């Protein structure tokens, strides 16, 4: 867990306006992960890596293999069950920012033009991976 709370344990990242929950979850075969998501918060899960197996995501009931992302509708909880090989996924939720969203692969920006600029910067070796405040 990076941010948020699971079973009364709080992650090290705190005091962010969007009140995020950010979990890196590894489930054993047929394992089940259930966590509350505050109503009104946006949430998504990203099933990744060749060793991730498959998982079924509720309440939508989608069964997916990696690399796939599921964006959840508004609700009170998400439930994810691993397939027979287990599953690994990121689960992220937080308050919506009320801004336009453009996404491509691991990039999330406000516009398609910003995504294109990030890809160009990556190709040129000038992409900035993070900043310190």
C-alpha atoms as a PDB file:
ATOM      1  CA  UNK A   1       0.000   0.000   0.000  1.00  0.00           C
ATOM      2  CA  UNK A   2       1.331   3.373  -0.996  1.00  0.00           C
ATOM      3  CA  UNK A   3      -1.568   5.645  -0.035  1.00  0.00           C
ATOM      4  CA  UNK A   4      -4.894   5.024   1.649  1.00  0.00           C
ATOM      5  CA  UNK A   5      -5.923   2.596   4.371  1.00  0.00           C
ATOM      6  CA  UNK A   6      -6.469  -1.180   4.377  1.00  0.00           C
ATOM      7  CA  UNK A   7      -7.539  -3.069   7.487  1.00  0.00           C
ATOM      8  CA  UNK A   8      -6.716  -0.067   9.660  1.00  0.00           C
ATOM      9  CA  UNK A   9      -3.165   0.336   8.301  1.00  0.00           C
ATOM     10  CA  UNK A  10      -2.433   3.648   6.555  1.00  0.00           C
ATOM     11  CA  UNK A  11       0.087   3.990   3.734  1.00  0.00           C
ATOM     12  CA  UNK A  12       3.031   6.395   3.959  1.00  0.00           C
ATOM     13  CA  UNK A  13       1.692   8.914   1.393  1.00  0.00           C
ATOM     14  CA  UNK A  14      -0.717  11.288   3.125  1.00  0.00           C
ATOM     15  CA  UNK A  15      -2.037  14.860   3.028  1.00  0.00           C
ATOM     16  CA  UNK A  16      -2.840  14.944  -0.703  1.00  0.00           C
ATOM     17  CA  UNK A  17      -5.887  16.991  -1.684  1.00  0.00           C
ATOM     18  CA  UNK A  18      -7.313  14.221  -3.900  1.00  0.00           C
ATOM     19  CA  UNK A  19      -7.316  11.836  -0.876  1.00  0.00           C
ATOM     20  CA  UNK A  20      -5.900   8.967  -2.961  1.00  0.00           C
ATOM     21  CA  UNK A  21      -5.786   5.269  -2.259  1.00  0.00           C
ATOM     22  CA  UNK A  22      -2.987   3.532  -4.198  1.00  0.00           C
ATOM     23  CA  UNK A  23      -2.562  -0.204  -3.725  1.00  0.00           C
ATOM     24  CA  UNK A  24      -0.218  -2.704  -5.379  1.00  0.00           C
ATOM     25  CA  UNK A  25      -2.115  -5.972  -4.868  1.00  0.00           C
ATOM     26  CA  UNK A  26      -0.807  -9.504  -5.391  1.00  0.00           C
ATOM     27  CA  UNK A  27      -3.505 -12.179  -5.057  1.00  0.00           C
ATOM     28  CA  UNK A  28      -2.937 -15.925  -4.822  1.00  0.00           C
ATOM     29  CA  UNK A  29      -4.896 -18.239  -7.156  1.00  0.00           C
ATOM     30  CA  UNK A  30      -8.637 -17.632  -6.668  1.00  0.00           C
ATOM     31  CA  UNK A  31      -7.818 -14.979  -4.032  1.00  0.00           C
ATOM     32  CA  UNK A  32     -10.341 -12.244  -3.319  1.00  0.00           C
ATOM     33  CA  UNK A  33      -9.660  -8.556  -2.606  1.00  0.00           C
ATOM     34  CA  UNK A  34     -12.493  -6.308  -1.416  1.00  0.00           C
ATOM     35  CA  UNK A  35     -12.004  -2.706  -0.396  1.00  0.00           C
ATOM     36  CA  UNK A  36     -14.311   0.252   0.148  1.00  0.00           C
ATOM     37  CA  UNK A  37     -14.147   3.197  -2.229  1.00  0.00           C
ATOM     38  CA  UNK A  38     -15.623   6.433  -0.994  1.00  0.00           C
ATOM     39  CA  UNK A  39     -18.736   7.370  -2.947  1.00  0.00           C
ATOM     40  CA  UNK A  40     -17.922  10.122  -5.418  1.00  0.00           C
ATOM     41  CA  UNK A  41     -14.281   9.060  -5.796  1.00  0.00           C
ATOM     42  CA  UNK A  42     -12.957   7.905  -9.160  1.00  0.00           C
ATOM     43  CA  UNK A  43     -11.350   4.438  -9.178  1.00  0.00           C
ATOM     44  CA  UNK A  44      -9.476   2.226 -11.612  1.00  0.00           C
ATOM     45  CA  UNK A  45      -7.526  -1.025 -11.544  1.00  0.00           C
ATOM     46  CA  UNK A  46      -4.621  -1.860 -13.834  1.00  0.00           C
ATOM     47  CA  UNK A  47      -3.800  -5.540 -14.315  1.00  0.00           C
ATOM     48  CA  UNK A  48      -0.176  -5.688 -15.463  1.00  0.00           C
ATOM     49  CA  UNK A  49       2.774  -7.958 -16.173  1.00  0.00           C
ATOM     50  CA  UNK A  50       2.935 -11.270 -17.974  1.00  0.00           C
ATOM     51  CA  UNK A  51       2.814 -13.149 -14.674  1.00  0.00           C
ATOM     52  CA  UNK A  52      -0.386 -11.386 -13.593  1.00  0.00           C
ATOM     53  CA  UNK A  53      -2.760 -14.144 -14.632  1.00  0.00           C
ATOM     54  CA  UNK A  54      -6.344 -12.970 -14.954  1.00  0.00           C
ATOM     55  CA  UNK A  55      -8.890 -11.409 -12.642  1.00  0.00           C
ATOM     56  CA  UNK A  56     -12.605 -10.684 -12.461  1.00  0.00           C
ATOM     57  CA  UNK A  57     -13.528  -7.128 -11.492  1.00  0.00           C
ATOM     58  CA  UNK A  58     -16.836  -6.382  -9.756  1.00  0.00           C
ATOM     59  CA  UNK A  59     -19.295  -4.766  -9.849  1.00  0.00           C
ATOM     60  CA  UNK A  60     -18.790  -4.843 -13.645  1.00  0.00           C
ATOM     61  CA  UNK A  61     -18.045  -8.587 -13.826  1.00  0.00           C
ATOM     62  CA  UNK A  62     -15.275  -8.164 -16.419  1.00  0.00           C
ATOM     63  CA  UNK A  63     -12.671 -10.947 -16.572  1.00  0.00           C
ATOM     64  CA  UNK A  64      -9.427  -9.615 -18.001  1.00  0.00           C
ATOM     65  CA  UNK A  65      -5.858 -10.632 -18.794  1.00  0.00           C
ATOM     66  CA  UNK A  66      -2.964  -8.149 -18.634  1.00  0.00           C
ATOM     67  CA  UNK A  67      -2.227  -5.529 -19.660  1.00  0.00           C
ATOM     68  CA  UNK A  68      -5.704  -4.098 -19.133  1.00  0.00           C
ATOM     69  CA  UNK A  69      -7.262  -1.302 -17.137  1.00  0.00           C
ATOM     70  CA  UNK A  70     -10.760  -1.162 -15.666  1.00  0.00           C
ATOM     71  CA  UNK A  71     -12.358   2.173 -14.774  1.00  0.00           C
ATOM     72  CA  UNK A  72     -15.040   1.687 -12.138  1.00  0.00           C
ATOM     73  CA  UNK A  73     -18.295   3.588 -11.887  1.00  0.00           C
ATOM     74  CA  UNK A  74     -19.363   5.284  -8.663  1.00  0.00           C
ATOM     75  CA  UNK A  75     -20.004   2.868  -5.830  1.00  0.00           C
ATOM     76  CA  UNK A  76     -19.101   1.856  -2.313  1.00  0.00           C
ATOM     77  CA  UNK A  77     -16.560  -0.892  -2.946  1.00  0.00           C
ATOM     78  CA  UNK A  78     -14.615  -2.851  -5.513  1.00  0.00           C
ATOM     79  CA  UNK A  79     -14.202  -6.602  -5.496  1.00  0.00           C
ATOM     80  CA  UNK A  80     -11.503  -8.389  -7.473  1.00  0.00           C
ATOM     81  CA  UNK A  81     -11.054 -12.165  -7.702  1.00  0.00           C
ATOM     82  CA  UNK A  82      -7.910 -13.709  -9.140  1.00  0.00           C
ATOM     83  CA  UNK A  83      -8.022 -16.498 -11.672  1.00  0.00           C
ATOM     84  CA  UNK A  84      -6.270 -19.846 -11.291  1.00  0.00           C
ATOM     85  CA  UNK A  85      -2.763 -18.348 -11.612  1.00  0.00           C
ATOM     86  CA  UNK A  86      -3.300 -15.490  -9.184  1.00  0.00           C
ATOM     87  CA  UNK A  87      -3.265 -11.832 -10.208  1.00  0.00           C
ATOM     88  CA  UNK A  88      -1.322  -8.629  -9.657  1.00  0.00           C
ATOM     89  CA  UNK A  89      -2.841  -5.199 -10.180  1.00  0.00           C
ATOM     90  CA  UNK A  90      -2.708  -1.588  -9.110  1.00  0.00           C
ATOM     91  CA  UNK A  91      -5.878  -0.169  -7.595  1.00  0.00           C
ATOM     92  CA  UNK A  92      -6.092   3.624  -7.489  1.00  0.00           C
ATOM     93  CA  UNK A  93      -8.904   5.860  -6.288  1.00  0.00           C
ATOM     94  CA  UNK A  94      -9.327   9.479  -5.283  1.00  0.00           C
ATOM     95  CA  UNK A  95     -11.450  12.584  -5.464  1.00  0.00           C
ATOM     96  CA  UNK A  96     -12.092  13.663  -9.062  1.00  0.00           C
ATOM     97  CA  UNK A  97     -10.140  16.772 -10.033  1.00  0.00           C
ATOM     98  CA  UNK A  98     -12.809  18.052 -12.414  1.00  0.00           C
ATOM     99  CA  UNK A  99     -10.293  18.385 -15.254  1.00  0.00           C
ATOM    100  CA  UNK A 100     -10.254  16.836 -18.732  1.00  0.00           C
ATOM    101  CA  UNK A 101      -8.299  13.584 -18.926  1.00  0.00           C
ATOM    102  CA  UNK A 102      -6.296  12.147 -21.810  1.00  0.00           C
ATOM    103  CA  UNK A 103      -4.500   8.844 -21.285  1.00  0.00           C
ATOM    104  CA  UNK A 104      -2.151   6.693 -23.285  1.00  0.00           C
ATOM    105  CA  UNK A 105      -0.260   3.776 -21.768  1.00  0.00           C
ATOM    106  CA  UNK A 106       1.179   4.972 -18.449  1.00  0.00           C
ATOM    107  CA  UNK A 107       0.667   8.648 -19.317  1.00  0.00           C
ATOM    108  CA  UNK A 108      -2.249  10.670 -17.987  1.00  0.00           C
ATOM    109  CA  UNK A 109      -2.462  14.302 -19.002  1.00  0.00           C
ATOM    110  CA  UNK A 110      -5.169  16.883 -19.742  1.00  0.00           C
ATOM    111  CA  UNK A 111      -4.948  16.861 -23.558  1.00  0.00           C
ATOM    112  CA  UNK A 112      -3.860  14.612 -26.407  1.00  0.00           C
ATOM    113  CA  UNK A 113      -1.303  17.289 -27.326  1.00  0.00           C
ATOM    114  CA  UNK A 114       0.294  16.971 -23.864  1.00  0.00           C
ATOM    115  CA  UNK A 115       0.485  13.176 -24.349  1.00  0.00           C
ATOM    116  CA  UNK A 116       2.178  13.664 -27.731  1.00  0.00           C
ATOM    117  CA  UNK A 117       4.671  16.091 -26.167  1.00  0.00           C
ATOM    118  CA  UNK A 118       5.451  13.610 -23.373  1.00  0.00           C
ATOM    119  CA  UNK A 119       6.064  10.853 -25.957  1.00  0.00           C
ATOM    120  CA  UNK A 120       8.306  13.153 -27.985  1.00  0.00           C
ATOM    121  CA  UNK A 121      10.243  14.123 -24.830  1.00  0.00           C
ATOM    122  CA  UNK A 122      10.608  10.431 -23.994  1.00  0.00           C
ATOM    123  CA  UNK A 123      11.988   9.697 -27.481  1.00  0.00           C
ATOM    124  CA  UNK A 124      14.462  12.601 -27.190  1.00  0.00           C
ATOM    125  CA  UNK A 125      15.549  11.596 -23.673  1.00  0.00           C
ATOM    126  CA  UNK A 126      14.308  14.877 -22.169  1.00  0.00           C
ATOM    127  CA  UNK A 127      11.241  13.520 -20.372  1.00  0.00           C
ATOM    128  CA  UNK A 128      11.133  14.617 -16.718  1.00  0.00           C
ATOM    129  CA  UNK A 129      10.060  11.609 -14.599  1.00  0.00           C
ATOM    130  CA  UNK A 130       9.249  13.524 -11.452  1.00  0.00           C
ATOM    131  CA  UNK A 131       9.813  16.788  -9.678  1.00  0.00           C
ATOM    132  CA  UNK A 132      10.487  17.726  -6.103  1.00  0.00           C
ATOM    133  CA  UNK A 133       8.586  20.534  -4.481  1.00  0.00           C
END
